């Protein structure tokens, strides 16, 4: 999955321009209600970094800085960006320490921002929140070919999604499998029993309703 399908487009993003004073930037960020917004070039095409409300307040009231100073002295995280063609996996680890990251095209033009909410939407989708169904948490003794064996046992049903946990553990692995909502309960119960007989213990079965 690529970043290009999961970010807030430029026309919905509040931002500051580099010509803003500290006071103007503070008023802008206060009006938005956000704790941080991007700084873009005057034409709105180039990402220059982030400005944080806490740094503006610290500059004005703790450091006794002038409200008429340029916000250029408070620009942070100039490297907080990713490209629209990058994998979502890369974005997931880039955004960890930041409130959001900018999304750029191949010409380094600003396209929008990827937020933690966007990340959560993708994770929710992987758990079947958009389609509904059943989520099975399966524990198994770690062994070579465990995933292959599990998929083989589920060959009679459609697997909507799969997520593995405890990767790298020597003895135990948990696997989360999403199955379709139309799966009959009787067949689901038989499947759970069948898995248990083959050392794939189903520890939880969650019924997921479609999230609108």
N, C-alpha and C. Protein backbone atom coordinates (compact mmCIF):
# COMPACT_ATOMS: atom_id res chain seq x y z
N UNK A 1 0.84 -1.19 0.00
CA UNK A 1 0.00 0.00 0.00
C UNK A 1 0.87 1.24 0.00
N UNK A 2 0.53 2.20 -0.83
CA UNK A 2 1.34 3.41 -0.93
C UNK A 2 0.71 4.57 -0.16
N UNK A 3 1.56 5.53 0.19
CA UNK A 3 1.13 6.70 0.94
C UNK A 3 0.08 7.50 0.17
N UNK A 4 0.18 7.52 -1.15
CA UNK A 4 -0.66 8.40 -1.98
C UNK A 4 -2.15 8.18 -1.77
N UNK A 5 -2.54 7.05 -1.24
CA UNK A 5 -3.96 6.76 -1.08
C UNK A 5 -4.49 7.11 0.31
N UNK A 6 -3.62 7.61 1.18
CA UNK A 6 -4.03 7.79 2.58
C UNK A 6 -3.44 9.05 3.21
N UNK A 7 -3.77 10.22 2.69
CA UNK A 7 -3.30 11.44 3.36
C UNK A 7 -4.30 12.58 3.16
N UNK A 8 -4.15 13.62 3.97
CA UNK A 8 -5.01 14.80 3.91
C UNK A 8 -4.52 15.70 2.78
N UNK A 9 -5.34 16.01 1.78
CA UNK A 9 -4.89 16.81 0.64
C UNK A 9 -4.57 18.25 1.02
N UNK A 10 -3.74 18.85 0.23
CA UNK A 10 -3.23 20.20 0.48
C UNK A 10 -4.33 21.23 0.75
N UNK A 11 -5.44 21.16 0.00
CA UNK A 11 -6.48 22.19 0.15
C UNK A 11 -7.19 22.12 1.51
N UNK A 12 -6.97 21.04 2.26
CA UNK A 12 -7.57 20.91 3.59
C UNK A 12 -6.58 21.16 4.71
N UNK A 13 -5.37 21.59 4.37
CA UNK A 13 -4.31 21.76 5.35
C UNK A 13 -4.11 23.22 5.71
N UNK A 14 -4.13 23.52 7.00
CA UNK A 14 -3.80 24.87 7.49
C UNK A 14 -2.29 24.98 7.60
N UNK A 15 -1.73 26.13 7.21
CA UNK A 15 -0.28 26.27 7.25
C UNK A 15 0.12 27.73 7.47
N UNK A 16 1.39 27.91 7.82
CA UNK A 16 1.98 29.24 7.94
C UNK A 16 2.93 29.46 6.76
N UNK A 17 3.15 30.72 6.45
CA UNK A 17 4.16 31.08 5.45
C UNK A 17 5.41 31.57 6.16
N UNK A 18 6.57 31.46 5.53
CA UNK A 18 7.82 31.84 6.20
C UNK A 18 7.92 33.33 6.51
N UNK A 19 7.07 34.14 5.90
CA UNK A 19 7.09 35.58 6.16
C UNK A 19 6.30 35.94 7.43
N UNK A 20 5.63 34.96 8.03
CA UNK A 20 4.85 35.23 9.25
C UNK A 20 5.77 35.65 10.39
N UNK A 21 5.25 36.51 11.23
CA UNK A 21 5.93 36.81 12.49
C UNK A 21 5.52 35.75 13.52
N UNK A 22 6.21 35.76 14.64
CA UNK A 22 5.87 34.82 15.72
C UNK A 22 4.43 35.04 16.17
N UNK A 23 4.01 36.31 16.27
CA UNK A 23 2.65 36.61 16.69
C UNK A 23 1.63 36.10 15.67
N UNK A 24 1.90 36.31 14.39
CA UNK A 24 0.98 35.85 13.35
C UNK A 24 0.87 34.33 13.35
N UNK A 25 2.01 33.68 13.53
CA UNK A 25 2.00 32.22 13.56
C UNK A 25 1.23 31.71 14.77
N UNK A 26 1.41 32.37 15.91
CA UNK A 26 0.69 31.95 17.11
C UNK A 26 -0.82 32.13 16.94
N UNK A 27 -1.22 33.26 16.38
CA UNK A 27 -2.65 33.51 16.16
C UNK A 27 -3.23 32.48 15.19
N UNK A 28 -2.46 32.12 14.17
CA UNK A 28 -2.92 31.15 13.18
C UNK A 28 -3.10 29.78 13.82
N UNK A 29 -2.09 29.36 14.57
CA UNK A 29 -2.15 28.03 15.16
C UNK A 29 -3.21 27.96 16.27
N UNK A 30 -3.40 29.07 16.96
CA UNK A 30 -4.44 29.11 18.00
C UNK A 30 -5.82 29.00 17.36
N UNK A 31 -6.02 29.66 16.24
CA UNK A 31 -7.31 29.61 15.55
C UNK A 31 -7.62 28.21 15.01
N UNK A 32 -6.58 27.48 14.60
CA UNK A 32 -6.81 26.14 14.06
C UNK A 32 -7.15 25.13 15.14
N UNK A 33 -6.67 25.38 16.35
CA UNK A 33 -6.88 24.42 17.43
C UNK A 33 -5.87 23.29 17.44
N UNK A 34 -4.91 23.31 16.50
CA UNK A 34 -3.88 22.28 16.44
C UNK A 34 -2.68 22.66 17.30
N UNK A 35 -1.86 21.66 17.63
CA UNK A 35 -0.64 21.96 18.40
C UNK A 35 0.55 22.18 17.49
N UNK A 36 0.36 21.91 16.20
CA UNK A 36 1.46 22.03 15.25
C UNK A 36 0.88 22.14 13.84
N UNK A 37 1.46 23.00 13.01
CA UNK A 37 1.05 23.09 11.60
C UNK A 37 2.30 23.26 10.74
N UNK A 38 2.20 22.90 9.47
CA UNK A 38 3.37 23.02 8.59
C UNK A 38 3.66 24.45 8.17
N UNK A 39 4.89 24.68 7.78
CA UNK A 39 5.29 25.95 7.18
C UNK A 39 5.59 25.67 5.71
N UNK A 40 4.92 26.42 4.83
CA UNK A 40 5.11 26.24 3.40
C UNK A 40 5.63 27.53 2.78
N UNK A 41 6.30 27.43 1.68
CA UNK A 41 6.75 28.61 0.95
C UNK A 41 5.55 29.48 0.57
N UNK A 42 5.81 30.72 0.23
CA UNK A 42 4.72 31.66 -0.05
C UNK A 42 3.78 31.18 -1.16
N UNK A 43 4.29 30.39 -2.09
CA UNK A 43 3.42 29.87 -3.15
C UNK A 43 2.73 28.57 -2.74
N UNK A 44 3.04 28.08 -1.53
CA UNK A 44 2.39 26.89 -1.01
C UNK A 44 2.90 25.59 -1.59
N UNK A 45 3.99 25.62 -2.33
CA UNK A 45 4.48 24.42 -3.02
C UNK A 45 5.62 23.70 -2.31
N UNK A 46 6.34 24.40 -1.44
CA UNK A 46 7.53 23.82 -0.83
C UNK A 46 7.37 23.67 0.68
N UNK A 47 7.60 22.49 1.18
CA UNK A 47 7.54 22.22 2.62
C UNK A 47 8.83 22.68 3.27
N UNK A 48 8.71 23.51 4.31
CA UNK A 48 9.89 24.07 4.97
C UNK A 48 10.09 23.56 6.38
N UNK A 49 9.08 22.93 6.97
CA UNK A 49 9.21 22.42 8.32
C UNK A 49 7.91 22.56 9.10
N UNK A 50 8.01 22.41 10.41
CA UNK A 50 6.84 22.49 11.29
C UNK A 50 7.03 23.60 12.31
N UNK A 51 5.93 24.17 12.76
CA UNK A 51 5.97 25.12 13.87
C UNK A 51 4.99 24.64 14.92
N UNK A 52 5.45 24.62 16.18
CA UNK A 52 4.66 24.09 17.29
C UNK A 52 4.16 25.22 18.19
N UNK A 53 2.94 25.06 18.66
CA UNK A 53 2.36 26.04 19.56
C UNK A 53 3.20 26.20 20.83
N UNK A 54 3.69 25.08 21.37
CA UNK A 54 4.46 25.13 22.60
C UNK A 54 5.75 25.93 22.42
N UNK A 55 6.37 25.83 21.24
CA UNK A 55 7.61 26.58 21.00
C UNK A 55 7.34 28.07 20.83
N UNK A 56 6.20 28.39 20.22
CA UNK A 56 5.82 29.79 20.08
C UNK A 56 5.57 30.42 21.45
N UNK A 57 4.86 29.70 22.29
CA UNK A 57 4.58 30.22 23.64
C UNK A 57 5.86 30.34 24.46
N UNK A 58 6.72 29.36 24.34
CA UNK A 58 7.99 29.40 25.08
C UNK A 58 8.83 30.59 24.62
N UNK A 59 8.84 30.84 23.32
CA UNK A 59 9.62 31.95 22.78
C UNK A 59 9.08 33.30 23.27
N UNK A 60 7.75 33.42 23.31
CA UNK A 60 7.13 34.69 23.68
C UNK A 60 7.18 34.97 25.18
N UNK A 61 6.94 33.92 25.99
CA UNK A 61 6.76 34.16 27.42
C UNK A 61 7.92 33.69 28.29
N UNK A 62 8.66 32.69 27.84
CA UNK A 62 9.79 32.22 28.63
C UNK A 62 11.09 32.89 28.19
N UNK A 63 11.28 32.98 26.87
CA UNK A 63 12.51 33.58 26.36
C UNK A 63 12.37 35.09 26.13
N UNK A 64 11.15 35.59 26.34
CA UNK A 64 10.87 37.03 26.16
C UNK A 64 11.24 37.51 24.76
N UNK A 65 10.98 36.67 23.78
CA UNK A 65 11.23 37.05 22.40
C UNK A 65 10.21 38.05 21.89
N UNK A 66 10.54 38.76 20.84
CA UNK A 66 9.63 39.75 20.28
C UNK A 66 8.57 39.07 19.42
N UNK A 67 7.31 39.46 19.57
CA UNK A 67 6.24 38.90 18.74
C UNK A 67 6.40 39.27 17.26
N UNK A 68 7.25 40.26 16.99
CA UNK A 68 7.46 40.69 15.60
C UNK A 68 8.62 39.97 14.93
N UNK A 69 9.28 39.06 15.66
CA UNK A 69 10.37 38.30 15.05
C UNK A 69 9.81 37.31 14.03
N UNK A 70 10.65 36.93 13.10
CA UNK A 70 10.24 35.96 12.08
C UNK A 70 10.13 34.56 12.69
N UNK A 71 9.18 33.76 12.20
CA UNK A 71 9.05 32.39 12.71
C UNK A 71 10.17 31.48 12.22
N UNK A 72 11.02 32.00 11.34
CA UNK A 72 12.11 31.18 10.82
C UNK A 72 13.02 30.67 11.94
N UNK A 73 13.08 31.39 13.07
CA UNK A 73 13.92 30.96 14.19
C UNK A 73 13.29 29.78 14.93
N UNK A 74 12.03 29.47 14.65
CA UNK A 74 11.32 28.41 15.36
C UNK A 74 10.92 27.24 14.47
N UNK A 75 11.43 27.21 13.26
CA UNK A 75 11.12 26.11 12.35
C UNK A 75 11.77 24.81 12.85
N UNK A 76 10.98 23.75 12.93
CA UNK A 76 11.47 22.45 13.40
C UNK A 76 11.16 21.38 12.35
N UNK A 77 11.85 20.26 12.48
CA UNK A 77 11.54 19.04 11.70
C UNK A 77 11.47 19.29 10.20
N UNK A 78 12.49 19.93 9.68
CA UNK A 78 12.53 20.17 8.23
C UNK A 78 12.56 18.88 7.42
N UNK A 79 12.93 17.78 8.07
CA UNK A 79 12.99 16.48 7.38
C UNK A 79 11.73 15.64 7.60
N UNK A 80 10.68 16.25 8.10
CA UNK A 80 9.45 15.51 8.41
C UNK A 80 8.57 15.35 7.18
N UNK A 81 9.08 14.61 6.21
CA UNK A 81 8.30 14.42 4.99
C UNK A 81 8.54 13.02 4.43
N UNK A 82 7.66 12.64 3.52
CA UNK A 82 7.75 11.37 2.84
C UNK A 82 7.18 11.57 1.44
N UNK A 83 7.49 10.68 0.53
CA UNK A 83 6.99 10.83 -0.84
C UNK A 83 5.73 9.99 -1.05
N UNK A 84 4.86 10.48 -1.93
CA UNK A 84 3.58 9.82 -2.14
C UNK A 84 3.72 8.40 -2.66
N UNK A 85 4.84 8.09 -3.31
CA UNK A 85 5.04 6.75 -3.84
C UNK A 85 5.75 5.83 -2.85
N UNK A 86 6.10 6.36 -1.68
CA UNK A 86 6.72 5.52 -0.65
C UNK A 86 5.71 4.53 -0.09
N UNK A 87 6.21 3.46 0.48
CA UNK A 87 5.32 2.46 1.07
C UNK A 87 4.74 2.97 2.38
N UNK A 88 3.56 2.45 2.70
CA UNK A 88 2.95 2.84 3.97
C UNK A 88 3.79 2.33 5.13
N UNK A 89 4.50 1.24 4.92
CA UNK A 89 5.38 0.71 5.96
C UNK A 89 6.43 1.75 6.36
N UNK A 90 7.03 2.40 5.36
CA UNK A 90 8.02 3.44 5.65
C UNK A 90 7.38 4.61 6.38
N UNK A 91 6.20 5.01 5.95
CA UNK A 91 5.50 6.12 6.59
C UNK A 91 5.19 5.82 8.05
N UNK A 92 4.82 4.57 8.31
CA UNK A 92 4.44 4.16 9.66
C UNK A 92 5.56 4.43 10.66
N UNK A 93 6.80 4.17 10.26
CA UNK A 93 7.93 4.36 11.16
C UNK A 93 8.47 5.79 11.13
N UNK A 94 8.22 6.51 10.05
CA UNK A 94 8.67 7.91 9.98
C UNK A 94 7.83 8.80 10.88
N UNK A 95 6.54 8.50 10.99
CA UNK A 95 5.62 9.38 11.71
C UNK A 95 5.64 9.16 13.22
N UNK A 96 6.28 8.12 13.69
CA UNK A 96 6.21 7.73 15.10
C UNK A 96 6.49 8.88 16.06
N UNK A 97 7.48 9.69 15.77
CA UNK A 97 7.90 10.74 16.71
C UNK A 97 7.28 12.10 16.41
N UNK A 98 6.39 12.15 15.43
CA UNK A 98 5.86 13.43 14.97
C UNK A 98 4.34 13.45 14.99
N UNK A 99 3.73 14.64 15.07
CA UNK A 99 2.26 14.73 15.01
C UNK A 99 1.71 14.41 13.63
N UNK A 100 2.50 14.69 12.59
CA UNK A 100 2.15 14.37 11.21
C UNK A 100 3.40 14.53 10.35
N UNK A 101 3.34 14.07 9.12
CA UNK A 101 4.45 14.29 8.20
C UNK A 101 3.90 14.81 6.87
N UNK A 102 4.70 15.62 6.19
CA UNK A 102 4.31 16.16 4.90
C UNK A 102 4.45 15.08 3.83
N UNK A 103 3.61 15.19 2.81
CA UNK A 103 3.67 14.27 1.67
C UNK A 103 4.07 15.08 0.44
N UNK A 104 5.13 14.64 -0.25
CA UNK A 104 5.65 15.35 -1.42
C UNK A 104 5.56 14.47 -2.66
N UNK A 105 5.55 15.11 -3.83
CA UNK A 105 5.63 14.35 -5.08
C UNK A 105 7.08 14.25 -5.52
N UNK A 106 7.31 13.68 -6.68
CA UNK A 106 8.68 13.48 -7.16
C UNK A 106 9.42 14.78 -7.41
N UNK A 107 8.67 15.87 -7.63
CA UNK A 107 9.27 17.19 -7.85
C UNK A 107 9.46 17.94 -6.53
N UNK A 108 9.27 17.25 -5.41
CA UNK A 108 9.38 17.83 -4.07
C UNK A 108 8.33 18.89 -3.79
N UNK A 109 7.22 18.82 -4.48
CA UNK A 109 6.11 19.74 -4.23
C UNK A 109 5.20 19.19 -3.14
N UNK A 110 4.74 20.08 -2.29
CA UNK A 110 3.88 19.70 -1.17
C UNK A 110 2.49 19.28 -1.66
N UNK A 111 2.05 18.09 -1.23
CA UNK A 111 0.74 17.58 -1.64
C UNK A 111 -0.27 17.51 -0.51
N UNK A 112 0.22 17.42 0.71
CA UNK A 112 -0.67 17.29 1.86
C UNK A 112 0.08 16.74 3.05
N UNK A 113 -0.66 16.19 4.02
CA UNK A 113 -0.01 15.64 5.22
C UNK A 113 -0.59 14.26 5.55
N UNK A 114 0.25 13.44 6.12
CA UNK A 114 -0.17 12.15 6.64
C UNK A 114 -0.23 12.28 8.16
N UNK A 115 -1.41 11.99 8.74
CA UNK A 115 -1.60 12.15 10.17
C UNK A 115 -1.68 10.79 10.86
N UNK A 116 -1.65 10.82 12.18
CA UNK A 116 -1.81 9.58 12.94
C UNK A 116 -3.20 8.99 12.70
N UNK A 117 -4.19 9.85 12.47
CA UNK A 117 -5.54 9.37 12.17
C UNK A 117 -5.55 8.58 10.86
N UNK A 118 -4.78 9.04 9.87
CA UNK A 118 -4.66 8.29 8.61
C UNK A 118 -4.06 6.92 8.85
N UNK A 119 -3.05 6.86 9.71
CA UNK A 119 -2.40 5.60 10.04
C UNK A 119 -3.39 4.66 10.72
N UNK A 120 -4.17 5.21 11.66
CA UNK A 120 -5.15 4.39 12.37
C UNK A 120 -6.23 3.88 11.43
N UNK A 121 -6.60 4.68 10.44
CA UNK A 121 -7.60 4.24 9.45
C UNK A 121 -7.10 3.01 8.68
N UNK A 122 -5.82 3.04 8.32
CA UNK A 122 -5.25 1.90 7.59
C UNK A 122 -5.23 0.66 8.48
N UNK A 123 -4.84 0.84 9.75
CA UNK A 123 -4.82 -0.29 10.68
C UNK A 123 -6.23 -0.83 10.92
N UNK A 124 -7.20 0.09 11.05
CA UNK A 124 -8.59 -0.33 11.25
C UNK A 124 -9.08 -1.13 10.05
N UNK A 125 -8.67 -0.71 8.87
CA UNK A 125 -9.04 -1.43 7.65
C UNK A 125 -8.46 -2.84 7.66
N UNK A 126 -7.23 -2.97 8.16
CA UNK A 126 -6.59 -4.28 8.21
C UNK A 126 -7.29 -5.21 9.18
N UNK A 127 -8.03 -4.64 10.15
CA UNK A 127 -8.78 -5.46 11.10
C UNK A 127 -10.23 -5.66 10.66
N UNK A 128 -10.55 -5.25 9.44
CA UNK A 128 -11.88 -5.50 8.91
C UNK A 128 -12.94 -4.51 9.35
N UNK A 129 -12.55 -3.33 9.82
CA UNK A 129 -13.52 -2.36 10.31
C UNK A 129 -14.43 -1.83 9.20
N UNK A 130 -13.95 -1.83 7.97
CA UNK A 130 -14.76 -1.30 6.87
C UNK A 130 -15.69 -2.35 6.27
N UNK A 131 -15.33 -3.62 6.41
CA UNK A 131 -16.13 -4.68 5.81
C UNK A 131 -16.88 -5.51 6.84
N UNK A 132 -16.44 -5.43 8.11
CA UNK A 132 -17.05 -6.28 9.13
C UNK A 132 -16.56 -7.71 9.01
N UNK A 133 -17.06 -8.57 9.90
CA UNK A 133 -16.67 -9.98 9.84
C UNK A 133 -16.19 -10.46 11.19
N UNK A 134 -15.34 -11.48 11.15
CA UNK A 134 -14.80 -12.08 12.38
C UNK A 134 -13.29 -11.93 12.40
N UNK A 135 -12.77 -11.60 13.56
CA UNK A 135 -11.33 -11.52 13.76
C UNK A 135 -10.92 -12.60 14.74
N UNK A 136 -10.07 -13.50 14.29
CA UNK A 136 -9.59 -14.60 15.13
C UNK A 136 -8.16 -14.32 15.56
N UNK A 137 -7.92 -14.35 16.88
CA UNK A 137 -6.56 -14.27 17.39
C UNK A 137 -6.10 -15.69 17.68
N UNK A 138 -5.07 -16.12 16.99
CA UNK A 138 -4.62 -17.51 17.03
C UNK A 138 -3.21 -17.57 17.61
N UNK A 139 -3.02 -18.43 18.60
CA UNK A 139 -1.70 -18.65 19.19
C UNK A 139 -1.17 -20.00 18.72
N UNK A 140 0.09 -20.03 18.35
CA UNK A 140 0.69 -21.29 17.91
C UNK A 140 2.14 -21.35 18.34
N UNK A 141 2.62 -22.56 18.52
CA UNK A 141 4.05 -22.74 18.80
C UNK A 141 4.82 -22.40 17.53
N UNK A 142 5.79 -21.53 17.65
CA UNK A 142 6.55 -21.08 16.48
C UNK A 142 7.28 -22.25 15.82
N UNK A 143 7.06 -22.39 14.53
CA UNK A 143 7.77 -23.42 13.78
C UNK A 143 7.83 -23.01 12.31
N UNK A 144 8.76 -23.56 11.60
CA UNK A 144 8.93 -23.25 10.19
C UNK A 144 7.68 -23.68 9.42
N UNK A 145 7.16 -22.75 8.61
CA UNK A 145 5.99 -23.06 7.81
C UNK A 145 4.67 -22.87 8.54
N UNK A 146 4.68 -22.20 9.71
CA UNK A 146 3.46 -22.02 10.50
C UNK A 146 2.38 -21.29 9.72
N UNK A 147 2.76 -20.21 9.04
CA UNK A 147 1.78 -19.43 8.28
C UNK A 147 1.22 -20.27 7.13
N UNK A 148 2.09 -21.00 6.47
CA UNK A 148 1.67 -21.85 5.35
C UNK A 148 0.67 -22.89 5.82
N UNK A 149 0.95 -23.51 6.98
CA UNK A 149 0.06 -24.53 7.53
C UNK A 149 -1.30 -23.93 7.88
N UNK A 150 -1.28 -22.74 8.46
CA UNK A 150 -2.54 -22.10 8.85
C UNK A 150 -3.37 -21.76 7.63
N UNK A 151 -2.75 -21.17 6.63
CA UNK A 151 -3.47 -20.80 5.41
C UNK A 151 -4.06 -22.03 4.74
N UNK A 152 -3.32 -23.13 4.77
CA UNK A 152 -3.80 -24.38 4.19
C UNK A 152 -5.06 -24.86 4.89
N UNK A 153 -5.11 -24.69 6.20
CA UNK A 153 -6.28 -25.12 6.96
C UNK A 153 -7.48 -24.21 6.73
N UNK A 154 -7.23 -23.00 6.25
CA UNK A 154 -8.31 -22.05 6.01
C UNK A 154 -8.66 -21.95 4.52
N UNK A 155 -8.25 -22.94 3.76
CA UNK A 155 -8.41 -22.87 2.30
C UNK A 155 -9.86 -22.84 1.86
N UNK A 156 -10.79 -23.29 2.72
CA UNK A 156 -12.21 -23.33 2.34
C UNK A 156 -12.95 -22.03 2.63
N UNK A 157 -12.25 -21.06 3.23
CA UNK A 157 -12.88 -19.77 3.52
C UNK A 157 -12.01 -18.65 2.96
N UNK A 158 -12.63 -17.53 2.70
CA UNK A 158 -11.88 -16.38 2.19
C UNK A 158 -11.20 -15.65 3.34
N UNK A 159 -9.92 -15.42 3.24
CA UNK A 159 -9.19 -14.66 4.27
C UNK A 159 -9.17 -13.20 3.84
N UNK A 160 -9.85 -12.34 4.62
CA UNK A 160 -9.91 -10.92 4.27
C UNK A 160 -8.66 -10.16 4.69
N UNK A 161 -7.94 -10.68 5.66
CA UNK A 161 -6.73 -10.00 6.12
C UNK A 161 -5.99 -10.86 7.12
N UNK A 162 -4.70 -10.57 7.29
CA UNK A 162 -3.89 -11.34 8.23
C UNK A 162 -2.79 -10.45 8.78
N UNK A 163 -2.54 -10.58 10.08
CA UNK A 163 -1.51 -9.79 10.76
C UNK A 163 -0.79 -10.71 11.74
N UNK A 164 0.54 -10.69 11.73
CA UNK A 164 1.29 -11.53 12.66
C UNK A 164 1.91 -10.67 13.76
N UNK A 165 1.90 -11.21 14.97
CA UNK A 165 2.50 -10.55 16.12
C UNK A 165 3.60 -11.45 16.68
N UNK A 166 4.40 -10.90 17.59
CA UNK A 166 5.48 -11.66 18.24
C UNK A 166 6.52 -12.15 17.25
N UNK A 167 6.72 -11.42 16.15
CA UNK A 167 7.73 -11.82 15.18
C UNK A 167 9.11 -11.82 15.83
N UNK A 168 9.85 -12.89 15.62
CA UNK A 168 11.18 -13.01 16.21
C UNK A 168 11.19 -13.82 17.49
N UNK A 169 10.01 -14.07 18.08
CA UNK A 169 9.95 -14.91 19.28
C UNK A 169 10.28 -16.35 18.92
N UNK A 170 10.94 -17.04 19.82
CA UNK A 170 11.40 -18.40 19.53
C UNK A 170 10.32 -19.45 19.75
N UNK A 171 9.36 -19.17 20.64
CA UNK A 171 8.46 -20.24 21.05
C UNK A 171 6.99 -20.02 20.71
N UNK A 172 6.55 -18.79 20.72
CA UNK A 172 5.12 -18.55 20.54
C UNK A 172 4.89 -17.41 19.56
N UNK A 173 3.89 -17.59 18.72
CA UNK A 173 3.51 -16.52 17.78
C UNK A 173 2.00 -16.38 17.81
N UNK A 174 1.55 -15.14 17.71
CA UNK A 174 0.12 -14.87 17.56
C UNK A 174 -0.16 -14.37 16.16
N UNK A 175 -1.25 -14.86 15.62
CA UNK A 175 -1.65 -14.50 14.26
C UNK A 175 -3.10 -14.02 14.31
N UNK A 176 -3.35 -12.88 13.73
CA UNK A 176 -4.71 -12.35 13.66
C UNK A 176 -5.23 -12.52 12.24
N UNK A 177 -6.36 -13.19 12.12
CA UNK A 177 -6.93 -13.49 10.82
C UNK A 177 -8.34 -12.90 10.73
N UNK A 178 -8.62 -12.22 9.63
CA UNK A 178 -9.96 -11.66 9.40
C UNK A 178 -10.72 -12.56 8.44
N UNK A 179 -11.93 -12.96 8.85
CA UNK A 179 -12.78 -13.80 8.02
C UNK A 179 -14.07 -13.05 7.69
N UNK A 180 -14.70 -13.36 6.57
CA UNK A 180 -15.87 -12.60 6.11
C UNK A 180 -17.10 -12.71 7.04
N UNK A 181 -17.92 -11.67 7.03
CA UNK A 181 -19.10 -11.61 7.89
C UNK A 181 -20.13 -12.67 7.52
N UNK A 182 -20.17 -13.06 6.25
CA UNK A 182 -21.18 -14.02 5.81
C UNK A 182 -20.86 -15.46 6.19
N UNK A 183 -19.73 -15.68 6.86
CA UNK A 183 -19.37 -17.02 7.29
C UNK A 183 -20.38 -17.51 8.33
N UNK A 184 -21.07 -18.65 8.10
CA UNK A 184 -22.05 -19.16 9.07
C UNK A 184 -21.40 -19.46 10.42
N UNK A 185 -22.12 -19.20 11.50
CA UNK A 185 -21.56 -19.39 12.83
C UNK A 185 -21.18 -20.85 13.07
N UNK A 186 -22.00 -21.77 12.54
CA UNK A 186 -21.70 -23.19 12.70
C UNK A 186 -20.37 -23.55 12.05
N UNK A 187 -20.14 -23.02 10.85
CA UNK A 187 -18.88 -23.29 10.16
C UNK A 187 -17.71 -22.65 10.89
N UNK A 188 -17.95 -21.47 11.45
CA UNK A 188 -16.90 -20.79 12.22
C UNK A 188 -16.50 -21.63 13.42
N UNK A 189 -17.48 -22.16 14.15
CA UNK A 189 -17.19 -22.97 15.33
C UNK A 189 -16.42 -24.23 14.96
N UNK A 190 -16.80 -24.86 13.86
CA UNK A 190 -16.08 -26.05 13.41
C UNK A 190 -14.64 -25.71 13.04
N UNK A 191 -14.47 -24.55 12.44
CA UNK A 191 -13.14 -24.12 12.04
C UNK A 191 -12.26 -23.87 13.26
N UNK A 192 -12.83 -23.25 14.28
CA UNK A 192 -12.09 -22.99 15.51
C UNK A 192 -11.65 -24.30 16.15
N UNK A 193 -12.55 -25.26 16.18
CA UNK A 193 -12.23 -26.57 16.75
C UNK A 193 -11.14 -27.26 15.94
N UNK A 194 -11.25 -27.20 14.62
CA UNK A 194 -10.27 -27.83 13.73
C UNK A 194 -8.89 -27.23 13.94
N UNK A 195 -8.82 -25.92 14.06
CA UNK A 195 -7.54 -25.25 14.28
C UNK A 195 -6.91 -25.69 15.59
N UNK A 196 -7.72 -25.79 16.63
CA UNK A 196 -7.23 -26.20 17.94
C UNK A 196 -6.63 -27.59 17.94
N UNK A 197 -7.18 -28.46 17.12
CA UNK A 197 -6.68 -29.84 17.04
C UNK A 197 -5.32 -29.90 16.36
N UNK A 198 -4.96 -28.86 15.64
CA UNK A 198 -3.68 -28.81 14.93
C UNK A 198 -2.71 -27.80 15.54
N UNK A 199 -2.87 -27.56 16.85
CA UNK A 199 -1.98 -26.68 17.62
C UNK A 199 -2.06 -25.22 17.19
N UNK A 200 -3.21 -24.83 16.62
CA UNK A 200 -3.49 -23.42 16.37
C UNK A 200 -4.65 -23.02 17.30
N UNK A 201 -4.30 -22.62 18.50
CA UNK A 201 -5.33 -22.34 19.51
C UNK A 201 -5.93 -20.95 19.30
N UNK A 202 -7.23 -20.90 19.10
CA UNK A 202 -7.92 -19.62 18.91
C UNK A 202 -8.22 -19.04 20.29
N UNK A 203 -7.51 -17.98 20.66
CA UNK A 203 -7.67 -17.39 21.99
C UNK A 203 -8.81 -16.38 22.06
N UNK A 204 -9.13 -15.76 20.94
CA UNK A 204 -10.23 -14.79 20.91
C UNK A 204 -10.93 -14.84 19.56
N UNK A 205 -12.24 -14.70 19.60
CA UNK A 205 -13.03 -14.51 18.38
C UNK A 205 -13.83 -13.23 18.57
N UNK A 206 -13.55 -12.23 17.76
CA UNK A 206 -14.25 -10.95 17.85
C UNK A 206 -15.09 -10.74 16.61
N UNK A 207 -16.35 -10.39 16.82
CA UNK A 207 -17.23 -10.06 15.69
C UNK A 207 -17.14 -8.56 15.43
N UNK A 208 -16.73 -8.19 14.25
CA UNK A 208 -16.50 -6.79 13.91
C UNK A 208 -17.68 -6.25 13.11
N UNK A 209 -18.31 -5.21 13.64
CA UNK A 209 -19.37 -4.53 12.90
C UNK A 209 -18.75 -3.49 11.98
N UNK A 210 -19.39 -3.25 10.87
CA UNK A 210 -18.88 -2.26 9.90
C UNK A 210 -18.88 -0.88 10.55
N UNK A 211 -17.72 -0.20 10.48
CA UNK A 211 -17.59 1.16 11.02
C UNK A 211 -17.91 2.17 9.93
N UNK A 212 -18.91 3.01 10.18
CA UNK A 212 -19.30 4.00 9.18
C UNK A 212 -18.69 5.36 9.50
